[in-house]
Protein backbone atom coordinates (compact mmCIF):
# COMPACT_ATOMS: atom_id res chain seq x y z
CA MET A 1 7.77 58.28 58.18
CA SER A 2 6.86 59.48 54.70
CA THR A 3 8.63 58.86 51.42
CA HIS A 4 9.26 61.81 49.12
CA LEU A 5 10.09 62.00 45.44
CA VAL A 6 13.47 63.60 44.72
CA ILE A 7 14.83 65.62 41.83
CA THR A 8 18.53 66.18 41.16
CA LYS A 9 19.62 69.38 39.42
CA GLU A 10 23.10 70.36 38.28
CA VAL A 11 24.32 73.63 39.76
CA PRO A 12 25.86 76.50 37.79
CA ALA A 13 29.65 77.02 37.88
CA TRP A 14 29.32 80.02 40.23
CA PHE A 15 27.47 77.94 42.88
CA GLU A 16 29.63 77.92 46.03
CA MET A 17 27.85 75.60 48.46
CA PRO A 18 29.64 72.66 50.11
CA CYS A 19 28.34 69.09 49.96
CA ILE A 20 26.36 68.37 53.14
CA ALA A 21 27.62 64.76 53.40
CA CYS A 22 31.24 65.93 53.10
CA GLN A 23 30.64 68.53 55.81
CA LEU A 24 29.21 65.88 58.14
CA LEU A 25 32.30 63.73 57.44
CA GLY A 26 34.69 66.65 57.99
CA ILE A 27 35.77 66.80 54.33
CA SER A 28 36.12 70.03 52.34
CA SER A 29 34.25 69.95 49.05
CA ARG A 30 32.08 71.82 46.57
CA ALA A 31 28.59 70.70 45.56
CA THR A 32 27.90 69.85 41.93
CA VAL A 33 24.16 69.16 42.27
CA THR A 34 21.19 69.97 44.46
CA VAL A 35 18.83 67.24 45.55
CA GLU A 36 15.33 68.57 46.13
CA ALA A 37 12.41 66.61 47.57
CA THR A 38 8.65 66.96 47.42
CA SER A 39 8.86 67.66 51.17
CA GLY A 40 10.09 71.12 50.21
CA LEU A 41 13.59 70.42 51.54
CA GLY A 42 16.77 70.37 49.50
CA LEU A 43 20.47 69.71 50.04
CA ALA A 44 23.64 70.28 48.06
CA SER A 45 25.80 67.30 47.12
CA CYS A 46 29.08 66.46 45.45
CA THR A 47 29.16 63.76 42.79
CA SER A 48 30.51 61.15 45.23
CA HIS A 49 27.64 61.58 47.68
CA GLN A 50 24.79 62.15 45.24
CA GLN A 51 23.18 58.72 45.73
CA ALA A 52 23.44 58.91 49.53
CA THR A 53 21.91 62.41 49.47
CA ARG A 54 19.06 61.17 47.27
CA GLN A 55 18.44 58.33 49.75
CA VAL A 56 18.41 60.76 52.70
CA MET A 57 16.08 63.21 50.95
CA ARG A 58 13.49 60.49 50.30
CA THR A 59 12.68 60.33 54.02
CA LEU A 60 13.98 63.62 55.50
CA ASP A 61 11.23 65.75 57.03
CA SER A 62 13.35 68.44 58.76
CA TYR A 63 16.88 69.76 58.99
CA ASP A 64 17.32 68.50 62.58
CA LEU A 65 21.10 68.04 62.85
CA THR A 66 20.98 64.78 64.82
CA GLY A 67 18.48 63.24 62.42
CA LEU A 68 20.43 64.51 59.44
CA ARG A 69 23.67 62.98 60.70
CA THR A 70 21.96 59.66 61.46
CA SER A 71 20.31 59.59 58.03
CA PHE A 72 23.63 60.21 56.26
CA VAL A 73 25.55 57.65 58.32
CA THR A 74 22.88 55.07 57.45
CA ALA A 75 22.88 56.07 53.77
CA LEU A 76 26.67 56.06 53.49
CA LEU A 77 26.87 52.61 55.07
CA THR A 78 24.25 51.20 52.70
CA PRO A 79 25.57 49.84 49.39
CA GLN A 80 24.68 52.36 46.67
CA THR A 81 23.05 51.23 43.46
CA ALA A 82 22.63 53.27 40.30
């Protein structure tokens, strides 16, 4: 498993992508940031799930749905620090 650097960018007002963590939890939402990693992958996130998305993106190597779900469950169950 590799560790990637991540960059968070605010999205413009017209951006209409849902938060990936909210989608996995069955919640309707709108992303406020994108979290991009040096792996070349990126995901959209709402403010509430930004830290969990950053944690997931540090180790995510593909968009495999099972791995993505597992990564988010682990990240959401881990206490978040600023």
